[in-house]
Amino acid sequence: MEEKEVIIENPYGFVYITTNLVNGKRYLGQKTMNSYRNWKDYLGSGTQIRKAIKKYGRKNFYKTIVCFCYSQEELNKVESDLSVFLNVVEDDGWYNLVYGGGSTNGWHHSEKVREDQRERSKKLWKNEEFRQKFSEFAKTRTGEKNSNYGNHKLAGENNPNYGKHASLETRAKISEANKNISEEKRKRLSEAAKERFKNEEYRQHLRDMNLGRKMSEESKEKLRGSLKKYWTEEKRKEYSQRFSGKNAPFYGRHHSEETKRILSEKLSGENNKFFGTHLTEEHKRKILESSPLKRSVVQLDFDGNFIAEYISIGEASRVNKTTASHIVGAISTKGSSGGYLWVYKEEYDPEHSPKYKNNRFVPVVQIDQDGKCIATYFNSREAERQTGILHQNIGRCCNNKHTTAGGYFWRKLEDYDPNEVFSNKKINNN
């Protein structure tokens, strides 16, 4: 079809319709006259029309000028009115993705267009060849190869998203999307993360990026709140079961001597990040308050007389130059630590205070299956030396946790009853 040249005196621009001669699909757009000499070749710059031109070839498209305009305002208005009148976004017969009228600021794609875009994107990412090509392309734009490397024009307050926060609805959508990630994708993400961390340059970048950064008190408080909500008692129990015993990732594994040496060199002396630093009194107090050892304890002499009271086991251990674990052990076994008896404050009864009992000097009796006393020993350790039977097993028998040890019955001398019947009790070889 031969096109006649139209001459208009000093027009600002024109509104046009480009038609695909193969499928009849059209595109509505506008063009200013600053490059009017090229108007014959201009078919449109929209995303979909450009893809179509690439697919079908320019020879299969024909442009029609709808009208000429004499200002930008007039140009925008005509295009806007026409795009709405012709329903160019909702109608499948058009390539337009948004309604016209100049700037697309404030315009949103229709739900149909968005759905089409989502489906196209899903289809693309299912293609292994496409993913591979994209991966290779991404590798060429990392670090200094990226055109925006070192560009801080959009950093901080200059960033268009500075100070903005995702709505609760958006957060919920992101959360749901992340929950539905397939195992295959999780594995790919995990492997990709592992590969990144193998790169020393990447690790150094992370270190430099976080060096000297401190969280605000508000951020710390938010983090504490979120962690408290997350770490419910049920969650803690589940996590403990998941990673305890044989389920622990390092179960049965040990560091090699070479690894131990490397760790020692990296974390000792001046290489330690805490070298030369000391905890403040406030920090010590916070640690003490959050510690499970903060239970108040009472210190007693061997006769059960009150000596002192401490607000925590940690404080008691520091004052008496012993360890917290020793005090805990003394409380649980009714023994002593640092030359004193110990009891939790809430369990302390002045009228029934514990007395020291030295289990090292408790005589034990060895009894055969007929109930006959074979021998009496100074204590269980002396019995072990004489008989070869472990004193731990002898002690368990004396405490009624085992029936026999080494084929014999055992009793503390103070608990021994010559009239006790042993013939109906099972003998084992512990």
Protein backbone atom coordinates (compact mmCIF):
# COMPACT_ATOMS: atom_id res chain seq x y z
CA MET A 1 0.00 0.00 0.00
CA GLU A 2 1.48 3.32 -1.08
CA GLU A 3 1.49 5.95 1.66
CA LYS A 4 0.95 9.64 0.86
CA GLU A 5 3.06 12.13 2.74
CA VAL A 6 1.04 14.46 4.91
CA ILE A 7 2.38 17.94 5.68
CA ILE A 8 1.07 19.71 8.78
CA GLU A 9 2.27 23.17 9.75
CA ASN A 10 4.31 23.13 12.98
CA PRO A 11 2.66 20.18 14.76
CA TYR A 12 4.01 19.17 18.23
CA GLY A 13 3.38 15.48 17.75
CA PHE A 14 0.86 12.88 16.69
CA VAL A 15 -1.14 9.92 18.01
CA TYR A 16 -0.83 6.75 15.94
CA ILE A 17 -2.02 3.14 15.70
CA THR A 18 0.35 0.41 14.54
CA THR A 19 -1.32 -2.73 13.16
CA ASN A 20 0.13 -6.24 12.85
CA LEU A 21 -0.85 -7.37 9.33
CA VAL A 22 -0.41 -11.04 10.33
CA ASN A 23 -2.76 -11.31 13.33
CA GLY A 24 -4.53 -7.93 13.28
CA LYS A 25 -3.28 -6.94 16.74
CA ARG A 26 -2.77 -3.17 17.25
CA TYR A 27 -0.77 -0.72 19.33
CA LEU A 28 -1.78 2.83 20.32
CA GLY A 29 0.95 5.38 21.01
CA GLN A 30 2.19 8.96 20.63
CA LYS A 31 5.26 10.52 19.00
CA THR A 32 6.68 14.04 19.30
CA MET A 33 7.91 15.82 16.22
CA ASN A 34 11.44 16.49 17.37
CA SER A 35 12.45 13.67 15.08
CA TYR A 36 9.66 14.04 12.61
CA ARG A 37 11.88 13.01 9.72
CA ASN A 38 11.84 9.47 11.10
CA TRP A 39 8.08 9.20 11.51
CA LYS A 40 7.70 6.82 8.58
CA ASP A 41 9.94 4.23 10.28
CA TYR A 42 8.60 4.65 13.80
CA LEU A 43 6.22 1.86 14.87
CA GLY A 44 6.22 2.12 18.66
CA SER A 45 8.42 1.61 21.70
CA GLY A 46 6.18 -0.44 24.01
CA THR A 47 7.55 -3.72 25.37
CA GLN A 48 5.03 -5.98 23.64
CA ILE A 49 5.03 -4.15 20.29
CA ARG A 50 8.84 -4.32 20.11
CA LYS A 51 8.75 -8.07 20.80
CA ALA A 52 6.12 -8.51 18.12
CA ILE A 53 8.17 -6.50 15.57
CA LYS A 54 11.19 -8.65 16.32
CA LYS A 55 9.10 -11.81 15.87
CA TYR A 56 7.14 -10.92 12.72
CA GLY A 57 9.46 -8.38 11.06
CA ARG A 58 8.87 -4.66 10.37
CA LYS A 59 7.41 -5.39 6.91
CA ASN A 60 4.37 -6.98 8.56
CA PHE A 61 3.36 -3.81 10.46
CA TYR A 62 1.50 -0.74 9.23
CA LYS A 63 1.20 2.60 11.06
CA THR A 64 -1.77 4.97 10.84
CA ILE A 65 -1.65 8.54 12.18
CA VAL A 66 -4.89 9.25 14.02
CA CYS A 67 -4.37 12.96 14.58
CA PHE A 68 -1.77 15.70 15.00
CA CYS A 69 -1.47 17.72 18.22
CA TYR A 70 0.11 21.08 19.05
CA SER A 71 1.16 20.69 22.70
CA GLN A 72 2.24 17.97 25.09
CA GLU A 73 -0.95 18.43 27.11
CA GLU A 74 -3.11 17.94 24.02
CA LEU A 75 -1.04 14.95 22.95
CA ASN A 76 -1.41 13.28 26.34
CA LYS A 77 -5.13 13.97 26.53
CA VAL A 78 -5.90 12.58 23.08
CA GLU A 79 -3.89 9.43 23.72
CA SER A 80 -5.45 9.01 27.16
CA ASP A 81 -9.02 9.45 25.92
CA LEU A 82 -8.49 7.10 22.99
CA SER A 83 -6.81 4.41 25.09
CA VAL A 84 -9.74 4.39 27.51
CA PHE A 85 -12.35 4.54 24.72
CA LEU A 86 -10.75 1.65 22.82
CA ASN A 87 -10.04 -0.29 26.08
CA VAL A 88 -6.49 -1.02 24.89
CA VAL A 89 -5.40 -2.71 28.15
CA GLU A 90 -8.25 -5.15 28.75
CA ASP A 91 -8.86 -5.98 25.08
CA ASP A 92 -6.69 -8.88 23.83
CA GLY A 93 -6.53 -7.24 20.40
CA TRP A 94 -4.01 -4.62 21.61
CA TYR A 95 -0.34 -4.74 22.57
CA ASN A 96 -0.66 -1.95 25.17
CA LEU A 97 0.09 -2.86 28.79
CA VAL A 98 -1.01 0.49 30.31
CA TYR A 99 -3.40 3.24 29.36
CA GLY A 100 -1.83 6.12 27.42
CA GLY A 101 -1.42 9.74 28.33
CA GLY A 102 2.30 10.40 28.55
CA SER A 103 3.93 9.31 31.81
CA THR A 104 2.94 5.91 33.22
CA ASN A 105 3.41 7.21 36.79
CA GLY A 106 0.52 6.12 38.95
CA TRP A 107 -0.75 3.60 36.38
CA HIS A 108 -0.97 -0.08 37.23
CA HIS A 109 -1.17 -3.11 35.03
CA SER A 110 -4.56 -4.80 34.97
CA GLU A 111 -4.97 -8.09 36.82
CA LYS A 112 -5.14 -9.92 33.50
CA VAL A 113 -1.85 -8.39 32.33
CA ARG A 114 -0.18 -9.18 35.66
CA GLU A 115 -1.41 -12.77 35.51
CA ASP A 116 -0.07 -13.14 31.95
CA GLN A 117 3.28 -11.78 33.06
CA ARG A 118 3.39 -14.21 36.00
CA GLU A 119 2.63 -17.17 33.75
CA ARG A 120 5.29 -16.12 31.23
CA SER A 121 7.82 -15.73 34.02
CA LYS A 122 7.00 -19.17 35.47
CA LYS A 123 7.34 -20.73 32.04
CA LEU A 124 10.72 -19.10 31.49
CA TRP A 125 12.16 -20.19 34.84
CA LYS A 126 11.09 -23.78 34.25
CA ASN A 127 13.38 -23.79 31.24
CA GLU A 128 16.76 -25.17 32.32
CA GLU A 129 18.53 -23.55 29.34
CA PHE A 130 17.15 -20.11 30.26
CA ARG A 131 18.20 -20.49 33.91
CA GLN A 132 21.69 -21.49 32.82
CA LYS A 133 21.98 -18.49 30.48
CA PHE A 134 20.72 -16.14 33.19
CA SER A 135 23.20 -17.61 35.66
CA GLU A 136 26.09 -17.08 33.27
CA PHE A 137 24.93 -13.53 32.58
CA ALA A 138 24.65 -12.75 36.31
CA LYS A 139 28.24 -13.91 36.85
CA THR A 140 29.44 -11.27 34.39
CA ARG A 141 27.85 -8.51 36.49
CA THR A 142 29.27 -9.26 39.95
CA GLY A 143 31.62 -7.03 41.92
CA GLU A 144 33.50 -4.47 39.82
CA LYS A 145 31.94 -5.88 36.63
CA ASN A 146 28.58 -4.48 37.70
CA SER A 147 27.80 -1.14 36.09
CA ASN A 148 26.54 0.17 39.44
CA TYR A 149 29.61 -0.95 41.40
CA GLY A 150 30.66 1.87 43.75
CA ASN A 151 27.67 3.95 42.69
CA HIS A 152 26.13 5.47 45.82
CA LYS A 153 23.70 7.85 44.13
CA LEU A 154 20.80 5.72 45.32
CA ALA A 155 22.18 4.98 48.79
CA GLY A 156 20.59 6.16 52.03
CA GLU A 157 18.01 8.92 51.70
CA ASN A 158 18.51 9.05 47.93
CA ASN A 159 17.03 5.58 47.59
CA PRO A 160 13.39 5.80 46.43
CA ASN A 161 12.48 3.12 49.01
CA TYR A 162 14.27 4.84 51.91
CA GLY A 163 12.11 4.87 55.03
CA LYS A 164 9.41 2.76 53.37
CA HIS A 165 8.19 -0.49 54.90
CA ALA A 166 6.33 -3.36 53.37
CA SER A 167 2.68 -3.56 54.43
CA LEU A 168 1.44 -6.45 56.57
CA GLU A 169 -0.33 -7.82 53.52
CA THR A 170 2.88 -7.76 51.46
CA ARG A 171 4.82 -9.40 54.30
CA ALA A 172 2.17 -12.11 54.56
CA LYS A 173 2.41 -12.76 50.81
CA ILE A 174 6.21 -13.01 50.95
CA SER A 175 5.98 -15.34 53.94
CA GLU A 176 3.48 -17.63 52.20
CA ALA A 177 5.57 -17.65 49.02
CA ASN A 178 8.66 -18.70 51.00
CA LYS A 179 6.72 -21.50 52.73
CA ASN A 180 5.82 -23.03 49.39
CA ILE A 181 9.39 -23.28 48.13
CA SER A 182 10.03 -26.77 46.82
CA GLU A 183 12.73 -29.00 48.28
CA GLU A 184 14.56 -28.84 44.97
CA LYS A 185 14.69 -25.04 45.08
CA ARG A 186 15.74 -25.07 48.75
CA LYS A 187 18.60 -27.37 47.80
CA ARG A 188 19.63 -25.08 44.93
CA LEU A 189 19.61 -22.03 47.20
CA SER A 190 21.62 -23.88 49.83
CA GLU A 191 24.23 -25.01 47.32
CA ALA A 192 24.47 -21.50 45.87
CA ALA A 193 25.01 -20.03 49.35
CA LYS A 194 27.73 -22.59 50.08
CA GLU A 195 29.49 -21.72 46.83
CA ARG A 196 29.39 -18.00 47.64
CA PHE A 197 30.96 -18.57 51.05
CA LYS A 198 33.83 -20.49 49.49
CA ASN A 199 34.89 -17.20 47.93
CA GLU A 200 37.27 -15.40 50.29
CA GLU A 201 36.59 -12.08 48.54
CA TYR A 202 32.86 -12.46 49.23
CA ARG A 203 33.45 -13.29 52.91
CA GLN A 204 35.75 -10.30 53.26
CA HIS A 205 33.08 -8.12 51.66
CA LEU A 206 30.55 -9.25 54.27
CA ARG A 207 33.03 -8.59 57.08
CA ASP A 208 33.84 -5.10 55.79
CA MET A 209 30.17 -4.33 55.29
CA ASN A 210 29.28 -5.18 58.89
CA LEU A 211 32.45 -3.86 60.54
CA GLY A 212 31.67 -1.15 63.07
CA ARG A 213 27.91 -1.37 62.49
CA LYS A 214 25.82 -1.21 65.64
CA MET A 215 22.15 -1.90 66.00
CA SER A 216 20.00 0.82 67.50
CA GLU A 217 18.29 0.12 70.82
CA GLU A 218 14.97 0.11 68.98
CA SER A 219 16.21 -2.59 66.55
CA LYS A 220 17.62 -4.63 69.44
CA GLU A 221 14.30 -4.47 71.25
CA LYS A 222 12.41 -5.53 68.12
CA LEU A 223 14.83 -8.43 67.63
CA ARG A 224 14.42 -9.56 71.25
CA GLY A 225 10.64 -9.40 70.91
CA SER A 226 10.61 -11.44 67.68
CA LEU A 227 12.98 -14.04 69.16
CA LYS A 228 10.83 -14.42 72.28
CA LYS A 229 7.76 -14.98 70.13
CA TYR A 230 9.62 -17.50 67.96
CA TRP A 231 11.37 -19.48 70.69
CA THR A 232 8.33 -20.89 72.42
CA GLU A 233 8.78 -23.78 74.83
CA GLU A 234 7.39 -26.13 72.20
CA LYS A 235 9.85 -24.76 69.60
CA ARG A 236 12.80 -25.17 71.96
CA LYS A 237 11.81 -28.77 72.66
CA GLU A 238 11.40 -29.51 68.95
CA TYR A 239 14.78 -27.93 68.13
CA SER A 240 16.47 -29.84 70.95
CA GLN A 241 15.10 -33.18 69.73
CA ARG A 242 16.01 -32.40 66.13
CA PHE A 243 19.68 -31.70 66.86
CA SER A 244 20.44 -33.86 69.88
CA GLY A 245 22.16 -37.23 70.00
CA LYS A 246 22.66 -38.93 66.64
CA ASN A 247 20.69 -36.16 64.92
CA ALA A 248 23.40 -33.62 65.73
CA PRO A 249 25.33 -32.68 62.55
CA PHE A 250 28.67 -33.29 64.32
CA TYR A 251 27.65 -36.47 66.16
CA GLY A 252 30.61 -38.85 66.28
CA ARG A 253 32.84 -36.39 64.42
CA HIS A 254 36.03 -34.86 65.80
CA HIS A 255 38.30 -32.09 64.67
CA SER A 256 41.57 -33.24 63.20
CA GLU A 257 44.78 -32.15 64.88
CA GLU A 258 45.43 -29.82 61.94
CA THR A 259 42.00 -28.19 62.35
CA LYS A 260 42.55 -27.79 66.10
CA ARG A 261 45.88 -26.11 65.43
CA ILE A 262 44.36 -23.70 62.89
CA LEU A 263 41.50 -22.80 65.23
CA SER A 264 43.94 -22.27 68.07
CA GLU A 265 46.08 -19.91 65.98
CA LYS A 266 43.08 -17.93 64.73
CA LEU A 267 41.39 -17.54 68.10
CA SER A 268 44.27 -17.17 70.55
CA GLY A 269 46.16 -14.14 71.75
CA GLU A 270 45.84 -10.95 69.74
CA ASN A 271 43.88 -12.79 67.02
CA ASN A 272 40.97 -13.17 69.39
CA LYS A 273 38.38 -10.44 68.75
CA PHE A 274 37.96 -10.01 72.52
CA PHE A 275 41.70 -9.64 73.20
CA GLY A 276 42.30 -6.85 75.71
CA THR A 277 38.57 -6.23 76.26
CA HIS A 278 36.72 -6.62 79.55
CA LEU A 279 33.08 -6.94 80.41
CA THR A 280 31.50 -3.90 82.05
CA GLU A 281 29.83 -4.29 85.43
CA GLU A 282 26.47 -3.67 83.76
CA HIS A 283 27.16 -6.43 81.23
CA LYS A 284 28.18 -8.82 84.02
CA ARG A 285 24.95 -7.99 85.83
CA LYS A 286 22.87 -8.68 82.69
CA ILE A 287 24.61 -12.02 82.17
CA LEU A 288 24.03 -12.91 85.80
CA GLU A 289 20.35 -12.01 85.63
CA SER A 290 19.80 -14.10 82.50
CA SER A 291 21.77 -17.09 83.79
CA PRO A 292 20.03 -20.25 85.07
CA LEU A 293 22.50 -20.09 87.97
CA LYS A 294 20.90 -16.94 89.41
CA ARG A 295 18.95 -18.87 92.05
CA SER A 296 19.68 -17.65 95.56
CA VAL A 297 21.62 -20.08 97.79
CA VAL A 298 22.31 -20.44 101.51
CA GLN A 299 25.75 -21.37 102.88
CA LEU A 300 25.93 -23.67 105.94
CA ASP A 301 28.68 -25.25 108.02
CA PHE A 302 28.91 -29.03 108.48
CA ASP A 303 26.60 -28.87 111.49
CA GLY A 304 23.89 -27.13 109.47
CA ASN A 305 24.43 -23.67 110.98
CA PHE A 306 23.69 -20.61 108.80
CA ILE A 307 26.79 -18.84 107.43
CA ALA A 308 25.64 -16.53 104.60
CA GLU A 309 23.11 -16.00 101.83
CA TYR A 310 23.94 -15.16 98.20
CA ILE A 311 21.68 -13.80 95.44
CA SER A 312 23.05 -16.35 92.96
CA ILE A 313 25.27 -19.41 92.67
CA GLY A 314 27.62 -17.34 90.53
CA GLU A 315 28.12 -14.79 93.32
CA ALA A 316 28.62 -17.56 95.89
CA SER A 317 31.28 -19.21 93.73
CA ARG A 318 33.19 -15.92 93.27
CA VAL A 319 33.17 -15.03 96.96
CA ASN A 320 34.18 -18.51 98.14
CA LYS A 321 36.66 -19.11 95.30
CA THR A 322 35.00 -22.29 94.05
CA THR A 323 33.10 -23.13 90.87
CA ALA A 324 29.37 -22.84 90.28
CA SER A 325 29.20 -26.44 89.03
CA HIS A 326 30.72 -27.69 92.31
CA ILE A 327 28.09 -25.83 94.33
CA VAL A 328 25.31 -27.22 92.11
CA GLY A 329 26.77 -30.72 92.54
CA ALA A 330 26.97 -30.27 96.32
CA ILE A 331 23.30 -29.23 96.44
CA SER A 332 22.11 -32.20 94.34
CA THR A 333 24.22 -34.83 96.16
CA LYS A 334 23.86 -33.35 99.67
CA GLY A 335 27.64 -33.09 99.72
CA SER A 336 29.99 -30.17 100.21
CA SER A 337 31.88 -27.58 98.15
CA GLY A 338 34.62 -25.27 99.37
CA GLY A 339 34.31 -26.73 102.88
CA TYR A 340 30.60 -25.82 103.26
CA LEU A 341 27.14 -27.24 102.74
CA TRP A 342 24.81 -25.53 100.26
CA VAL A 343 21.05 -25.39 99.77
CA TYR A 344 18.70 -23.33 97.55
CA LYS A 345 17.09 -20.48 99.46
CA GLU A 346 13.53 -21.60 98.64
CA GLU A 347 14.33 -25.08 100.03
CA TYR A 348 16.12 -23.91 103.19
CA ASP A 349 14.43 -24.75 106.50
CA PRO A 350 16.40 -23.57 109.57
CA GLU A 351 14.68 -26.16 111.75
CA HIS A 352 15.60 -29.03 109.44
CA SER A 353 18.92 -27.89 108.02
CA PRO A 354 21.11 -30.59 106.42
CA LYS A 355 24.06 -32.14 108.24
CA TYR A 356 27.29 -33.19 106.62
CA LYS A 357 27.52 -36.84 105.76
CA ASN A 358 30.84 -38.17 104.52
CA ASN A 359 29.99 -40.98 102.12
CA ARG A 360 33.65 -41.87 101.79
CA PHE A 361 33.57 -43.56 105.21
CA VAL A 362 30.35 -45.56 105.04
CA PRO A 363 31.04 -49.25 105.87
CA VAL A 364 29.42 -51.82 103.52
CA VAL A 365 28.46 -55.47 104.00
CA GLN A 366 28.96 -58.25 101.42
CA ILE A 367 26.17 -60.88 101.47
CA ASP A 368 25.87 -64.18 99.57
CA GLN A 369 22.63 -65.57 98.02
CA ASP A 370 21.75 -67.38 101.22
CA GLY A 371 21.74 -64.09 103.13
CA LYS A 372 24.99 -64.88 104.94
CA CYS A 373 27.39 -62.00 105.70
CA ILE A 374 30.69 -62.78 104.01
CA ALA A 375 32.66 -59.65 104.92
CA THR A 376 32.43 -56.06 106.08
CA TYR A 377 34.51 -53.35 104.40
CA PHE A 378 35.58 -49.88 105.49
CA ASN A 379 33.78 -48.41 102.42
CA SER A 380 32.84 -49.33 98.85
CA ARG A 381 36.29 -48.46 97.48
CA GLU A 382 37.93 -50.81 99.98
CA ALA A 383 35.46 -53.48 98.88
CA GLU A 384 36.48 -52.87 95.24
CA ARG A 385 40.16 -53.30 96.07
CA GLN A 386 39.46 -56.58 97.91
CA THR A 387 36.92 -58.13 95.54
CA GLY A 388 37.53 -56.47 92.14
CA ILE A 389 33.88 -55.39 91.95
CA LEU A 390 33.38 -51.78 90.85
CA HIS A 391 32.59 -49.51 93.80
CA GLN A 392 29.96 -47.70 91.65
CA ASN A 393 27.97 -50.93 91.31
CA ILE A 394 28.36 -51.64 95.02
CA GLY A 395 27.07 -48.16 95.79
CA ARG A 396 24.05 -48.69 93.50
CA CYS A 397 23.17 -51.85 95.42
CA CYS A 398 23.46 -50.00 98.74
CA ASN A 399 21.14 -47.30 97.39
CA ASN A 400 18.62 -49.93 96.12
CA LYS A 401 19.19 -49.04 92.46
CA HIS A 402 20.66 -52.49 91.66
CA THR A 403 19.89 -55.84 93.22
CA THR A 404 23.36 -57.34 93.13
CA ALA A 405 26.92 -56.53 92.12
CA GLY A 406 29.44 -59.22 91.20
CA GLY A 407 26.96 -61.94 92.16
CA TYR A 408 26.57 -60.65 95.73
CA PHE A 409 24.10 -58.58 97.70
CA TRP A 410 25.42 -55.39 99.33
CA ARG A 411 24.12 -53.23 102.16
CA LYS A 412 25.36 -50.28 104.16
CA LEU A 413 26.37 -51.50 107.56
CA GLU A 414 23.80 -49.22 109.19
CA ASP A 415 21.03 -50.66 106.93
CA TYR A 416 22.04 -54.32 107.25
CA ASP A 417 19.39 -56.64 108.75
CA PRO A 418 20.59 -60.24 109.43
CA ASN A 419 16.99 -61.45 109.21
CA GLU A 420 16.42 -60.05 105.67
CA VAL A 421 15.45 -62.79 103.19
CA PHE A 422 17.54 -62.86 100.00
CA SER A 423 16.58 -66.28 98.55
CA ASN A 424 13.67 -64.82 96.51
CA LYS A 425 15.79 -62.09 94.89
CA LYS A 426 17.32 -62.42 91.43
CA ILE A 427 21.10 -62.49 91.17
CA ASN A 428 22.93 -60.89 88.26
CA ASN A 429 26.60 -60.34 87.49
CA ASN A 430 26.81 -56.52 87.41
